[in-house]
All heavy atoms as atom14 arrays in JSON, in Angstrom:
{
  "sequence": "ERRARAAEALARVGLSPIASRPARVLSGGEQQRVALARA",
  "atom14_mask": [
    [1, 1, 1, 1, 1, 1, 1, 1, 1, 0, 0, 0, 0, 0],
    [1, 1, 1, 1, 1, 1, 1, 1, 1, 1, 1, 0, 0, 0],
    [1, 1, 1, 1, 1, 1, 1, 1, 1, 1, 1, 0, 0, 0],
    [1, 1, 1, 1, 1, 0, 0, 0, 0, 0, 0, 0, 0, 0],
    [1, 1, 1, 1, 1, 1, 1, 1, 1, 1, 1, 0, 0, 0],
    [1, 1, 1, 1, 1, 0, 0, 0, 0, 0, 0, 0, 0, 0],
    [1, 1, 1, 1, 1, 0, 0, 0, 0, 0, 0, 0, 0, 0],
    [1, 1, 1, 1, 1, 1, 1, 1, 1, 0, 0, 0, 0, 0],
    [1, 1, 1, 1, 1, 0, 0, 0, 0, 0, 0, 0, 0, 0],
    [1, 1, 1, 1, 1, 1, 1, 1, 0, 0, 0, 0, 0, 0],
    [1, 1, 1, 1, 1, 0, 0, 0, 0, 0, 0, 0, 0, 0],
    [1, 1, 1, 1, 1, 1, 1, 1, 1, 1, 1, 0, 0, 0],
    [1, 1, 1, 1, 1, 1, 1, 0, 0, 0, 0, 0, 0, 0],
    [1, 1, 1, 1, 0, 0, 0, 0, 0, 0, 0, 0, 0, 0],
    [1, 1, 1, 1, 1, 1, 1, 1, 0, 0, 0, 0, 0, 0],
    [1, 1, 1, 1, 1, 1, 0, 0, 0, 0, 0, 0, 0, 0],
    [1, 1, 1, 1, 1, 1, 1, 0, 0, 0, 0, 0, 0, 0],
    [1, 1, 1, 1, 1, 1, 1, 1, 0, 0, 0, 0, 0, 0],
    [1, 1, 1, 1, 1, 0, 0, 0, 0, 0, 0, 0, 0, 0],
    [1, 1, 1, 1, 1, 1, 0, 0, 0, 0, 0, 0, 0, 0],
    [1, 1, 1, 1, 1, 1, 1, 1, 1, 1, 1, 0, 0, 0],
    [1, 1, 1, 1, 1, 1, 1, 0, 0, 0, 0, 0, 0, 0],
    [1, 1, 1, 1, 1, 0, 0, 0, 0, 0, 0, 0, 0, 0],
    [1, 1, 1, 1, 1, 1, 1, 1, 1, 1, 1, 0, 0, 0],
    [1, 1, 1, 1, 1, 1, 1, 0, 0, 0, 0, 0, 0, 0],
    [1, 1, 1, 1, 1, 1, 1, 1, 0, 0, 0, 0, 0, 0],
    [1, 1, 1, 1, 1, 1, 0, 0, 0, 0, 0, 0, 0, 0],
    [1, 1, 1, 1, 0, 0, 0, 0, 0, 0, 0, 0, 0, 0],
    [1, 1, 1, 1, 0, 0, 0, 0, 0, 0, 0, 0, 0, 0],
    [1, 1, 1, 1, 1, 1, 1, 1, 1, 0, 0, 0, 0, 0],
    [1, 1, 1, 1, 1, 1, 1, 1, 1, 0, 0, 0, 0, 0],
    [1, 1, 1, 1, 1, 1, 1, 1, 1, 0, 0, 0, 0, 0],
    [1, 1, 1, 1, 1, 1, 1, 1, 1, 1, 1, 0, 0, 0],
    [1, 1, 1, 1, 1, 1, 1, 0, 0, 0, 0, 0, 0, 0],
    [1, 1, 1, 1, 1, 0, 0, 0, 0, 0, 0, 0, 0, 0],
    [1, 1, 1, 1, 1, 1, 1, 1, 0, 0, 0, 0, 0, 0],
    [1, 1, 1, 1, 1, 0, 0, 0, 0, 0, 0, 0, 0, 0],
    [1, 1, 1, 1, 1, 1, 1, 1, 1, 1, 1, 0, 0, 0],
    [1, 1, 1, 1, 1, 0, 0, 0, 0, 0, 0, 0, 0, 0]
  ],
  "atom14_positions": [
    [[-0.04, 15.8, -5.52], [-0.73, 14.85, -6.39], [-0.15, 13.45, -6.23], [-0.88, 12.46, -6.18], [-0.64, 15.27, -7.86], [-1.37, 14.3, -8.78], [-1.19, 14.6, -10.26], [-0.54, 15.62, -10.59], [-1.67, 13.79, -11.08], [0.0, 0.0, 0.0], [0.0, 0.0, 0.0], [0.0, 0.0, 0.0], [0.0, 0.0, 0.0], [0.0, 0.0, 0.0]],
    [[1.17, 13.37, -6.13], [1.81, 12.07, -5.97], [1.36, 11.4, -4.67], [1.01, 10.22, -4.66], [3.33, 12.23, -5.98], [4.08, 10.92, -5.89], [5.55, 11.14, -6.14], [6.2, 11.86, -5.08], [7.2, 12.73, -5.24], [7.66, 13.01, -6.45], [7.75, 13.33, -4.2], [0.0, 0.0, 0.0], [0.0, 0.0, 0.0], [0.0, 0.0, 0.0]],
    [[1.36, 12.15, -3.58], [0.96, 11.56, -2.3], [-0.51, 11.18, -2.32], [-0.89, 10.12, -1.8], [1.25, 12.54, -1.16], [0.83, 12.02, 0.21], [1.56, 12.76, 1.31], [2.96, 12.36, 1.35], [3.48, 11.58, 2.28], [2.72, 11.06, 3.23], [4.76, 11.28, 2.27], [0.0, 0.0, 0.0], [0.0, 0.0, 0.0], [0.0, 0.0, 0.0]],
    [[-1.35, 12.01, -2.93], [-2.77, 11.71, -2.97], [-3.05, 10.46, -3.79], [-3.86, 9.61, -3.4], [-3.54, 12.91, -3.54], [0.0, 0.0, 0.0], [0.0, 0.0, 0.0], [0.0, 0.0, 0.0], [0.0, 0.0, 0.0], [0.0, 0.0, 0.0], [0.0, 0.0, 0.0], [0.0, 0.0, 0.0], [0.0, 0.0, 0.0], [0.0, 0.0, 0.0]],
    [[-2.39, 10.32, -4.93], [-2.6, 9.14, -5.77], [-2.08, 7.88, -5.09], [-2.68, 6.8, -5.19], [-1.94, 9.34, -7.13], [-2.77, 10.2, -8.07], [-2.09, 10.51, -9.37], [-1.7, 9.3, -10.12], [-1.13, 9.37, -11.32], [-0.91, 10.55, -11.9], [-0.8, 8.25, -11.94], [0.0, 0.0, 0.0], [0.0, 0.0, 0.0], [0.0, 0.0, 0.0]],
    [[-0.96, 7.99, -4.39], [-0.42, 6.84, -3.68], [-1.36, 6.42, -2.56], [-1.62, 5.22, -2.37], [0.96, 7.16, -3.12], [0.0, 0.0, 0.0], [0.0, 0.0, 0.0], [0.0, 0.0, 0.0], [0.0, 0.0, 0.0], [0.0, 0.0, 0.0], [0.0, 0.0, 0.0], [0.0, 0.0, 0.0], [0.0, 0.0, 0.0], [0.0, 0.0, 0.0]],
    [[-1.87, 7.38, -1.82], [-2.8, 7.07, -0.73], [-4.08, 6.45, -1.28], [-4.63, 5.5, -0.69], [-3.12, 8.34, 0.05], [0.0, 0.0, 0.0], [0.0, 0.0, 0.0], [0.0, 0.0, 0.0], [0.0, 0.0, 0.0], [0.0, 0.0, 0.0], [0.0, 0.0, 0.0], [0.0, 0.0, 0.0], [0.0, 0.0, 0.0], [0.0, 0.0, 0.0]],
    [[-4.56, 6.95, -2.41], [-5.77, 6.4, -3.02], [-5.55, 4.94, -3.44], [-6.42, 4.09, -3.24], [-6.17, 7.22, -4.24], [-7.39, 6.69, -4.97], [-7.65, 7.41, -6.27], [-6.77, 8.15, -6.76], [-8.74, 7.21, -6.84], [0.0, 0.0, 0.0], [0.0, 0.0, 0.0], [0.0, 0.0, 0.0], [0.0, 0.0, 0.0], [0.0, 0.0, 0.0]],
    [[-4.38, 4.67, -4.02], [-4.08, 3.3, -4.46], [-4.02, 2.35, -3.27], [-4.53, 1.22, -3.34], [-2.77, 3.28, -5.24], [0.0, 0.0, 0.0], [0.0, 0.0, 0.0], [0.0, 0.0, 0.0], [0.0, 0.0, 0.0], [0.0, 0.0, 0.0], [0.0, 0.0, 0.0], [0.0, 0.0, 0.0], [0.0, 0.0, 0.0], [0.0, 0.0, 0.0]],
    [[-3.42, 2.78, -2.18], [-3.37, 1.91, -1.0], [-4.76, 1.69, -0.42], [-5.08, 0.61, 0.07], [-2.45, 2.52, 0.06], [-0.95, 2.39, -0.21], [-0.16, 3.1, 0.88], [-0.52, 0.92, -0.28], [0.0, 0.0, 0.0], [0.0, 0.0, 0.0], [0.0, 0.0, 0.0], [0.0, 0.0, 0.0], [0.0, 0.0, 0.0], [0.0, 0.0, 0.0]],
    [[-5.6, 2.72, -0.49], [-6.97, 2.56, -0.02], [-7.71, 1.53, -0.87], [-8.49, 0.72, -0.35], [-7.7, 3.9, -0.05], [0.0, 0.0, 0.0], [0.0, 0.0, 0.0], [0.0, 0.0, 0.0], [0.0, 0.0, 0.0], [0.0, 0.0, 0.0], [0.0, 0.0, 0.0], [0.0, 0.0, 0.0], [0.0, 0.0, 0.0], [0.0, 0.0, 0.0]],
    [[-7.48, 1.55, -2.15], [-8.16, 0.62, -3.05], [-7.8, -0.83, -2.74], [-8.62, -1.73, -2.93], [-7.79, 0.94, -4.5], [-8.49, 2.15, -5.07], [-8.0, 2.44, -6.47], [-8.88, 3.34, -7.2], [-8.65, 3.77, -8.43], [-7.55, 3.38, -9.07], [-9.5, 4.58, -9.02], [0.0, 0.0, 0.0], [0.0, 0.0, 0.0], [0.0, 0.0, 0.0]],
    [[-6.59, -1.06, -2.28], [-6.18, -2.44, -1.97], [-6.36, -2.76, -0.48], [-5.94, -3.82, -0.02], [-4.72, -2.71, -2.4], [-4.55, -2.46, -3.9], [-3.72, -1.9, -1.59], [0.0, 0.0, 0.0], [0.0, 0.0, 0.0], [0.0, 0.0, 0.0], [0.0, 0.0, 0.0], [0.0, 0.0, 0.0], [0.0, 0.0, 0.0], [0.0, 0.0, 0.0]],
    [[-6.96, -1.83, 0.27], [-7.28, -2.09, 1.67], [-6.13, -1.96, 2.62], [-6.14, -2.58, 3.71], [0.0, 0.0, 0.0], [0.0, 0.0, 0.0], [0.0, 0.0, 0.0], [0.0, 0.0, 0.0], [0.0, 0.0, 0.0], [0.0, 0.0, 0.0], [0.0, 0.0, 0.0], [0.0, 0.0, 0.0], [0.0, 0.0, 0.0], [0.0, 0.0, 0.0]],
    [[-5.13, -1.13, 2.3], [-3.94, -1.04, 3.15], [-3.73, 0.35, 3.76], [-2.66, 0.63, 4.3], [-2.68, -1.43, 2.36], [-2.58, -2.88, 1.91], [-1.27, -3.13, 1.18], [-2.69, -3.84, 3.09], [0.0, 0.0, 0.0], [0.0, 0.0, 0.0], [0.0, 0.0, 0.0], [0.0, 0.0, 0.0], [0.0, 0.0, 0.0], [0.0, 0.0, 0.0]],
    [[-4.74, 1.2, 3.74], [-4.57, 2.53, 4.33], [-4.1, 2.5, 5.78], [-3.23, 3.29, 6.17], [-5.89, 3.31, 4.24], [-6.21, 3.6, 2.9], [0.0, 0.0, 0.0], [0.0, 0.0, 0.0], [0.0, 0.0, 0.0], [0.0, 0.0, 0.0], [0.0, 0.0, 0.0], [0.0, 0.0, 0.0], [0.0, 0.0, 0.0], [0.0, 0.0, 0.0]],
    [[-4.61, 1.58, 6.61], [-4.19, 1.6, 8.02], [-2.71, 1.31, 8.23], [-2.17, 1.62, 9.31], [-5.06, 0.51, 8.65], [-6.24, 0.39, 7.76], [-5.71, 0.62, 6.39], [0.0, 0.0, 0.0], [0.0, 0.0, 0.0], [0.0, 0.0, 0.0], [0.0, 0.0, 0.0], [0.0, 0.0, 0.0], [0.0, 0.0, 0.0], [0.0, 0.0, 0.0]],
    [[-2.05, 0.7, 7.27], [-0.63, 0.36, 7.47], [0.26, 1.08, 6.45], [1.36, 0.65, 6.18], [-0.4, -1.16, 7.4], [-0.85, -1.71, 6.05], [-1.11, -1.87, 8.53], [-0.5, -3.18, 5.87], [0.0, 0.0, 0.0], [0.0, 0.0, 0.0], [0.0, 0.0, 0.0], [0.0, 0.0, 0.0], [0.0, 0.0, 0.0], [0.0, 0.0, 0.0]],
    [[-0.21, 2.21, 5.93], [0.53, 2.93, 4.91], [1.91, 3.37, 5.38], [2.86, 3.44, 4.59], [-0.27, 4.16, 4.45], [0.0, 0.0, 0.0], [0.0, 0.0, 0.0], [0.0, 0.0, 0.0], [0.0, 0.0, 0.0], [0.0, 0.0, 0.0], [0.0, 0.0, 0.0], [0.0, 0.0, 0.0], [0.0, 0.0, 0.0], [0.0, 0.0, 0.0]],
    [[2.05, 3.66, 6.68], [3.32, 4.16, 7.2], [4.27, 3.06, 7.66], [5.42, 3.34, 8.01], [3.06, 5.12, 8.37], [2.43, 4.43, 9.44], [0.0, 0.0, 0.0], [0.0, 0.0, 0.0], [0.0, 0.0, 0.0], [0.0, 0.0, 0.0], [0.0, 0.0, 0.0], [0.0, 0.0, 0.0], [0.0, 0.0, 0.0], [0.0, 0.0, 0.0]],
    [[3.84, 1.82, 7.63], [4.69, 0.73, 8.08], [5.73, 0.37, 7.02], [5.47, 0.48, 5.82], [3.85, -0.5, 8.42], [2.97, -0.34, 9.64], [2.28, -1.64, 9.99], [3.26, -2.69, 10.29], [2.95, -3.98, 10.44], [1.69, -4.37, 10.26], [3.88, -4.86, 10.73], [0.0, 0.0, 0.0], [0.0, 0.0, 0.0], [0.0, 0.0, 0.0]],
    [[6.92, -0.08, 7.44], [7.92, -0.51, 6.46], [7.37, -1.65, 5.61], [6.87, -2.65, 6.13], [9.1, -0.96, 7.33], [8.91, -0.26, 8.63], [7.42, -0.15, 8.83], [0.0, 0.0, 0.0], [0.0, 0.0, 0.0], [0.0, 0.0, 0.0], [0.0, 0.0, 0.0], [0.0, 0.0, 0.0], [0.0, 0.0, 0.0], [0.0, 0.0, 0.0]],
    [[7.5, -1.51, 4.3], [6.89, -2.49, 3.4], [7.48, -3.88, 3.58], [6.78, -4.88, 3.44], [7.06, -2.02, 1.95], [0.0, 0.0, 0.0], [0.0, 0.0, 0.0], [0.0, 0.0, 0.0], [0.0, 0.0, 0.0], [0.0, 0.0, 0.0], [0.0, 0.0, 0.0], [0.0, 0.0, 0.0], [0.0, 0.0, 0.0], [0.0, 0.0, 0.0]],
    [[8.77, -3.95, 3.91], [9.42, -5.25, 3.97], [9.1, -6.06, 5.21], [9.48, -7.24, 5.3], [10.94, -5.08, 3.83], [11.36, -4.61, 2.43], [12.85, -4.69, 2.27], [13.26, -4.34, 0.91], [14.53, -4.4, 0.48], [15.49, -4.78, 1.32], [14.83, -4.08, -0.75], [0.0, 0.0, 0.0], [0.0, 0.0, 0.0], [0.0, 0.0, 0.0]],
    [[8.41, -5.46, 6.18], [8.02, -6.24, 7.36], [6.57, -6.69, 7.28], [6.09, -7.37, 8.18], [8.24, -5.43, 8.66], [9.68, -4.95, 8.75], [7.26, -4.26, 8.78], [0.0, 0.0, 0.0], [0.0, 0.0, 0.0], [0.0, 0.0, 0.0], [0.0, 0.0, 0.0], [0.0, 0.0, 0.0], [0.0, 0.0, 0.0], [0.0, 0.0, 0.0]],
    [[5.89, -6.36, 6.2], [4.5, -6.75, 6.04], [4.41, -8.24, 5.69], [5.39, -8.86, 5.27], [3.84, -5.92, 4.94], [3.84, -4.4, 5.16], [3.19, -3.7, 3.97], [3.12, -4.03, 6.45], [0.0, 0.0, 0.0], [0.0, 0.0, 0.0], [0.0, 0.0, 0.0], [0.0, 0.0, 0.0], [0.0, 0.0, 0.0], [0.0, 0.0, 0.0]],
    [[3.22, -8.79, 5.85], [3.01, -10.19, 5.47], [3.12, -10.34, 3.96], [3.09, -9.35, 3.2], [1.63, -10.65, 5.92], [0.61, -10.01, 5.16], [0.0, 0.0, 0.0], [0.0, 0.0, 0.0], [0.0, 0.0, 0.0], [0.0, 0.0, 0.0], [0.0, 0.0, 0.0], [0.0, 0.0, 0.0], [0.0, 0.0, 0.0], [0.0, 0.0, 0.0]],
    [[3.21, -11.59, 3.5], [3.34, -11.83, 2.08], [2.16, -11.29, 1.29], [2.32, -10.68, 0.22], [0.0, 0.0, 0.0], [0.0, 0.0, 0.0], [0.0, 0.0, 0.0], [0.0, 0.0, 0.0], [0.0, 0.0, 0.0], [0.0, 0.0, 0.0], [0.0, 0.0, 0.0], [0.0, 0.0, 0.0], [0.0, 0.0, 0.0], [0.0, 0.0, 0.0]],
    [[0.94, -11.5, 1.82], [-0.24, -10.98, 1.14], [-0.27, -9.47, 1.11], [-0.66, -8.86, 0.1], [0.0, 0.0, 0.0], [0.0, 0.0, 0.0], [0.0, 0.0, 0.0], [0.0, 0.0, 0.0], [0.0, 0.0, 0.0], [0.0, 0.0, 0.0], [0.0, 0.0, 0.0], [0.0, 0.0, 0.0], [0.0, 0.0, 0.0], [0.0, 0.0, 0.0]],
    [[0.14, -8.84, 2.21], [0.17, -7.37, 2.24], [1.23, -6.82, 1.29], [1.0, -5.82, 0.6], [0.44, -6.91, 3.67], [-0.73, -7.14, 4.61], [-0.35, -6.98, 6.07], [0.86, -7.04, 6.4], [-1.27, -6.78, 6.89], [0.0, 0.0, 0.0], [0.0, 0.0, 0.0], [0.0, 0.0, 0.0], [0.0, 0.0, 0.0], [0.0, 0.0, 0.0]],
    [[2.38, -7.47, 1.21], [3.4, -7.03, 0.28], [2.91, -7.13, -1.17], [3.17, -6.24, -1.98], [4.67, -7.87, 0.46], [5.43, -7.57, 1.74], [6.79, -8.24, 1.77], [7.29, -8.72, 0.77], [7.39, -8.28, 2.96], [0.0, 0.0, 0.0], [0.0, 0.0, 0.0], [0.0, 0.0, 0.0], [0.0, 0.0, 0.0], [0.0, 0.0, 0.0]],
    [[2.19, -8.21, -1.47], [1.67, -8.34, -2.83], [0.67, -7.24, -3.13], [0.63, -6.7, -4.24], [1.04, -9.72, -3.01], [0.67, -10.05, -4.46], [1.88, -10.19, -5.35], [2.56, -9.21, -5.67], [2.17, -11.41, -5.77], [0.0, 0.0, 0.0], [0.0, 0.0, 0.0], [0.0, 0.0, 0.0], [0.0, 0.0, 0.0], [0.0, 0.0, 0.0]],
    [[-0.13, -6.87, -2.14], [-1.09, -5.78, -2.36], [-0.39, -4.42, -2.48], [-0.86, -3.54, -3.22], [-2.13, -5.76, -1.24], [-3.21, -6.82, -1.45], [-4.35, -6.63, -0.49], [-4.05, -7.13, 0.83], [-4.66, -6.76, 1.95], [-5.61, -5.84, 1.91], [-4.32, -7.3, 3.12], [0.0, 0.0, 0.0], [0.0, 0.0, 0.0], [0.0, 0.0, 0.0]],
    [[0.72, -4.23, -1.78], [1.5, -3.01, -1.99], [2.0, -2.96, -3.44], [1.93, -1.91, -4.1], [2.69, -2.93, -1.01], [3.62, -1.77, -1.4], [2.21, -2.75, 0.41], [0.0, 0.0, 0.0], [0.0, 0.0, 0.0], [0.0, 0.0, 0.0], [0.0, 0.0, 0.0], [0.0, 0.0, 0.0], [0.0, 0.0, 0.0], [0.0, 0.0, 0.0]],
    [[2.49, -4.09, -3.93], [2.96, -4.14, -5.31], [1.83, -3.86, -6.29], [2.02, -3.16, -7.29], [3.6, -5.5, -5.59], [0.0, 0.0, 0.0], [0.0, 0.0, 0.0], [0.0, 0.0, 0.0], [0.0, 0.0, 0.0], [0.0, 0.0, 0.0], [0.0, 0.0, 0.0], [0.0, 0.0, 0.0], [0.0, 0.0, 0.0], [0.0, 0.0, 0.0]],
    [[0.64, -4.39, -6.01], [-0.5, -4.11, -6.87], [-0.89, -2.64, -6.8], [-1.22, -2.02, -7.82], [-1.68, -4.99, -6.46], [-1.57, -6.47, -6.84], [-2.62, -7.29, -6.09], [-1.72, -6.67, -8.33], [0.0, 0.0, 0.0], [0.0, 0.0, 0.0], [0.0, 0.0, 0.0], [0.0, 0.0, 0.0], [0.0, 0.0, 0.0], [0.0, 0.0, 0.0]],
    [[-0.86, -2.07, -5.6], [-1.17, -0.64, -5.45], [-0.17, 0.21, -6.21], [-0.53, 1.2, -6.86], [-1.19, -0.26, -3.97], [0.0, 0.0, 0.0], [0.0, 0.0, 0.0], [0.0, 0.0, 0.0], [0.0, 0.0, 0.0], [0.0, 0.0, 0.0], [0.0, 0.0, 0.0], [0.0, 0.0, 0.0], [0.0, 0.0, 0.0], [0.0, 0.0, 0.0]],
    [[1.09, -0.17, -6.13], [2.15, 0.58, -6.84], [1.91, 0.56, -8.34], [2.07, 1.57, -9.03], [3.51, -0.02, -6.49], [4.69, 0.73, -7.04], [5.98, 0.21, -6.44], [6.15, -1.23, -6.66], [7.14, -1.95, -6.11], [7.99, -1.37, -5.28], [7.25, -3.23, -6.37], [0.0, 0.0, 0.0], [0.0, 0.0, 0.0], [0.0, 0.0, 0.0]],
    [[1.5, -0.61, -8.85], [1.2, -0.7, -10.28], [-0.06, 0.09, -10.62], [-0.09, 0.85, -11.61], [1.03, -2.16, -10.68], [0.0, 0.0, 0.0], [0.0, 0.0, 0.0], [0.0, 0.0, 0.0], [0.0, 0.0, 0.0], [0.0, 0.0, 0.0], [0.0, 0.0, 0.0], [0.0, 0.0, 0.0], [0.0, 0.0, 0.0], [0.0, 0.0, 0.0]]
  ]
}
C-alpha cells in the first residue's frame, strides 16, 4: 500500500518517469514536485 500510494502521488505530479532517480540531483522544479507529492 505504501509503495502504491507513493507511486500514485508521483504520477499525479508528473514524475513517474524519474521515480527511481536520486531526489537531490533533480532540478529545482522537480524537487519541489517531489515535496508536493510527499505531502
